[in-house]
Amino acid sequence: MQFKNLREAREDRDIKQKDIAKYLNVSQNTYSQYETGVISLTAEVLIKLSDYYGVSIDYLLDRTRNPEIQK
């Protein structure tokens, strides 16, 4: 399953895969596989990405089009 919102969040901010991969301390290939759904996202990675982009985990997982974090 591809995660379109995960890719959109990165591309909207003009961030390259290699740069976010470095932030997550993984290879660019691993990050690419996160976006395409080849490798499952761990809770730790989802939390880091949610914090980094300032969006909800549900948004990153394509469960909503609303990126806002619900309190």
N, C-alpha and C. Protein backbone atom coordinates (compact mmCIF):
# COMPACT_ATOMS: atom_id res chain seq x y z
N MET A 1 0.83 -1.18 0.00
CA MET A 1 0.00 0.00 0.00
C MET A 1 0.88 1.25 0.00
N GLN A 2 0.71 2.08 -1.00
CA GLN A 2 1.44 3.33 -1.05
C GLN A 2 0.82 4.33 -0.10
N PHE A 3 1.66 5.16 0.51
CA PHE A 3 1.19 6.19 1.41
C PHE A 3 1.34 7.54 0.70
N LYS A 4 0.28 7.94 0.00
CA LYS A 4 0.31 9.16 -0.80
C LYS A 4 0.51 10.39 0.06
N ASN A 5 -0.12 10.45 1.23
CA ASN A 5 0.01 11.63 2.08
C ASN A 5 1.42 11.74 2.65
N LEU A 6 2.06 10.62 2.90
CA LEU A 6 3.45 10.64 3.39
C LEU A 6 4.34 11.28 2.34
N ARG A 7 4.16 10.87 1.11
CA ARG A 7 4.93 11.46 0.02
C ARG A 7 4.57 12.93 -0.18
N GLU A 8 3.28 13.25 -0.14
CA GLU A 8 2.85 14.64 -0.29
C GLU A 8 3.45 15.54 0.78
N ALA A 9 3.45 15.07 2.02
CA ALA A 9 4.00 15.88 3.12
C ALA A 9 5.46 16.21 2.84
N ARG A 10 6.19 15.25 2.35
CA ARG A 10 7.61 15.47 2.03
C ARG A 10 7.76 16.41 0.84
N GLU A 11 7.03 16.12 -0.23
CA GLU A 11 7.18 16.92 -1.45
C GLU A 11 6.68 18.35 -1.28
N ASP A 12 5.61 18.54 -0.49
CA ASP A 12 5.09 19.89 -0.25
C ASP A 12 6.11 20.78 0.44
N ARG A 13 7.02 20.17 1.14
CA ARG A 13 8.06 20.93 1.85
C ARG A 13 9.40 20.92 1.10
N ASP A 14 9.37 20.38 -0.12
CA ASP A 14 10.58 20.30 -0.96
C ASP A 14 11.72 19.59 -0.25
N ILE A 15 11.39 18.49 0.40
CA ILE A 15 12.39 17.69 1.10
C ILE A 15 12.69 16.45 0.26
N LYS A 16 13.95 16.15 0.10
CA LYS A 16 14.35 14.96 -0.65
C LYS A 16 14.29 13.73 0.25
N GLN A 17 14.06 12.58 -0.36
CA GLN A 17 14.00 11.35 0.41
C GLN A 17 15.28 11.14 1.22
N LYS A 18 16.43 11.46 0.64
CA LYS A 18 17.69 11.24 1.35
C LYS A 18 17.78 12.09 2.62
N ASP A 19 17.15 13.28 2.59
CA ASP A 19 17.21 14.16 3.76
C ASP A 19 16.32 13.65 4.90
N ILE A 20 15.12 13.21 4.57
CA ILE A 20 14.25 12.68 5.62
C ILE A 20 14.79 11.33 6.11
N ALA A 21 15.41 10.58 5.22
CA ALA A 21 16.02 9.31 5.61
C ALA A 21 17.14 9.56 6.63
N LYS A 22 17.92 10.60 6.40
CA LYS A 22 18.99 10.95 7.33
C LYS A 22 18.41 11.32 8.69
N TYR A 23 17.32 12.09 8.70
CA TYR A 23 16.65 12.46 9.95
C TYR A 23 16.19 11.21 10.70
N LEU A 24 15.68 10.23 9.96
CA LEU A 24 15.20 8.99 10.59
C LEU A 24 16.32 7.99 10.87
N ASN A 25 17.51 8.30 10.39
CA ASN A 25 18.67 7.42 10.55
C ASN A 25 18.45 6.08 9.83
N VAL A 26 17.92 6.17 8.60
CA VAL A 26 17.76 5.01 7.74
C VAL A 26 18.31 5.36 6.37
N SER A 27 18.46 4.37 5.49
CA SER A 27 18.93 4.64 4.14
C SER A 27 17.82 5.27 3.31
N GLN A 28 18.20 5.91 2.22
CA GLN A 28 17.22 6.49 1.32
C GLN A 28 16.33 5.39 0.75
N ASN A 29 16.90 4.23 0.46
CA ASN A 29 16.13 3.11 -0.07
C ASN A 29 15.07 2.64 0.94
N THR A 30 15.45 2.58 2.20
CA THR A 30 14.48 2.19 3.23
C THR A 30 13.34 3.19 3.29
N TYR A 31 13.68 4.48 3.26
CA TYR A 31 12.62 5.48 3.30
C TYR A 31 11.71 5.37 2.09
N SER A 32 12.28 5.16 0.93
CA SER A 32 11.49 4.99 -0.29
C SER A 32 10.52 3.82 -0.13
N GLN A 33 10.98 2.77 0.50
CA GLN A 33 10.13 1.60 0.73
C GLN A 33 9.04 1.87 1.76
N TYR A 34 9.27 2.79 2.67
CA TYR A 34 8.19 3.23 3.57
C TYR A 34 7.08 3.88 2.74
N GLU A 35 7.46 4.81 1.87
CA GLU A 35 6.47 5.54 1.07
C GLU A 35 5.67 4.62 0.16
N THR A 36 6.32 3.59 -0.37
CA THR A 36 5.64 2.70 -1.30
C THR A 36 4.95 1.54 -0.60
N GLY A 37 5.13 1.43 0.72
CA GLY A 37 4.47 0.39 1.48
C GLY A 37 5.16 -0.96 1.43
N VAL A 38 6.35 -1.03 0.88
CA VAL A 38 7.10 -2.28 0.83
C VAL A 38 7.52 -2.68 2.24
N ILE A 39 7.93 -1.70 3.03
CA ILE A 39 8.30 -1.91 4.43
C ILE A 39 7.25 -1.23 5.31
N SER A 40 6.81 -1.93 6.33
CA SER A 40 5.83 -1.35 7.26
C SER A 40 6.46 -0.27 8.10
N LEU A 41 5.71 0.79 8.32
CA LEU A 41 6.15 1.87 9.20
C LEU A 41 5.99 1.43 10.65
N THR A 42 7.01 1.63 11.44
CA THR A 42 6.93 1.32 12.86
C THR A 42 6.29 2.49 13.60
N ALA A 43 5.84 2.25 14.79
CA ALA A 43 5.26 3.31 15.61
C ALA A 43 6.29 4.42 15.83
N GLU A 44 7.54 4.05 16.07
CA GLU A 44 8.59 5.04 16.31
C GLU A 44 8.79 5.94 15.09
N VAL A 45 8.81 5.36 13.91
CA VAL A 45 8.99 6.14 12.68
C VAL A 45 7.78 7.04 12.45
N LEU A 46 6.58 6.51 12.67
CA LEU A 46 5.37 7.32 12.49
C LEU A 46 5.36 8.52 13.42
N ILE A 47 5.74 8.31 14.66
CA ILE A 47 5.78 9.42 15.62
C ILE A 47 6.79 10.47 15.19
N LYS A 48 7.97 10.04 14.77
CA LYS A 48 9.00 10.98 14.32
C LYS A 48 8.52 11.78 13.11
N LEU A 49 7.89 11.09 12.15
CA LEU A 49 7.41 11.77 10.95
C LEU A 49 6.27 12.72 11.28
N SER A 50 5.38 12.31 12.15
CA SER A 50 4.26 13.16 12.57
C SER A 50 4.79 14.43 13.24
N ASP A 51 5.75 14.28 14.12
CA ASP A 51 6.35 15.43 14.79
C ASP A 51 7.11 16.32 13.79
N TYR A 52 7.85 15.72 12.90
CA TYR A 52 8.66 16.45 11.93
C TYR A 52 7.79 17.30 11.01
N TYR A 53 6.73 16.70 10.48
CA TYR A 53 5.85 17.40 9.55
C TYR A 53 4.75 18.18 10.25
N GLY A 54 4.50 17.91 11.52
CA GLY A 54 3.43 18.59 12.24
C GLY A 54 2.05 18.18 11.77
N VAL A 55 1.92 16.90 11.40
CA VAL A 55 0.64 16.37 10.92
C VAL A 55 0.28 15.13 11.74
N SER A 56 -0.97 14.71 11.62
CA SER A 56 -1.42 13.54 12.37
C SER A 56 -0.90 12.25 11.75
N ILE A 57 -0.79 11.24 12.56
CA ILE A 57 -0.41 9.92 12.07
C ILE A 57 -1.48 9.38 11.13
N ASP A 58 -2.75 9.65 11.43
CA ASP A 58 -3.82 9.22 10.53
C ASP A 58 -3.64 9.82 9.14
N TYR A 59 -3.19 11.05 9.07
CA TYR A 59 -2.92 11.68 7.78
C TYR A 59 -1.80 10.95 7.05
N LEU A 60 -0.72 10.65 7.75
CA LEU A 60 0.41 9.96 7.14
C LEU A 60 0.02 8.58 6.62
N LEU A 61 -0.95 7.95 7.28
CA LEU A 61 -1.39 6.61 6.89
C LEU A 61 -2.57 6.64 5.92
N ASP A 62 -2.87 7.80 5.39
CA ASP A 62 -3.96 7.98 4.42
C ASP A 62 -5.33 7.62 4.98
N ARG A 63 -5.51 7.78 6.27
CA ARG A 63 -6.81 7.51 6.89
C ARG A 63 -7.70 8.74 6.89
N THR A 64 -7.10 9.91 6.56
CA THR A 64 -7.82 11.17 6.48
C THR A 64 -7.06 12.09 5.54
N ARG A 65 -7.78 13.04 4.97
CA ARG A 65 -7.13 14.08 4.16
C ARG A 65 -6.82 15.31 5.00
N ASN A 66 -7.29 15.32 6.25
CA ASN A 66 -7.06 16.43 7.16
C ASN A 66 -5.74 16.21 7.90
N PRO A 67 -4.73 17.03 7.66
CA PRO A 67 -3.44 16.82 8.31
C PRO A 67 -3.37 17.27 9.77
N GLU A 68 -4.42 17.98 10.23
CA GLU A 68 -4.37 18.53 11.58
C GLU A 68 -4.40 17.43 12.64
N ILE A 69 -3.64 17.67 13.69
CA ILE A 69 -3.60 16.75 14.83
C ILE A 69 -4.78 17.06 15.72
N GLN A 70 -5.59 16.05 16.00
CA GLN A 70 -6.77 16.21 16.86
C GLN A 70 -6.34 16.10 18.32
N LYS A 71 -6.73 17.04 19.11
CA LYS A 71 -6.38 17.03 20.54
C LYS A 71 -7.48 16.39 21.33
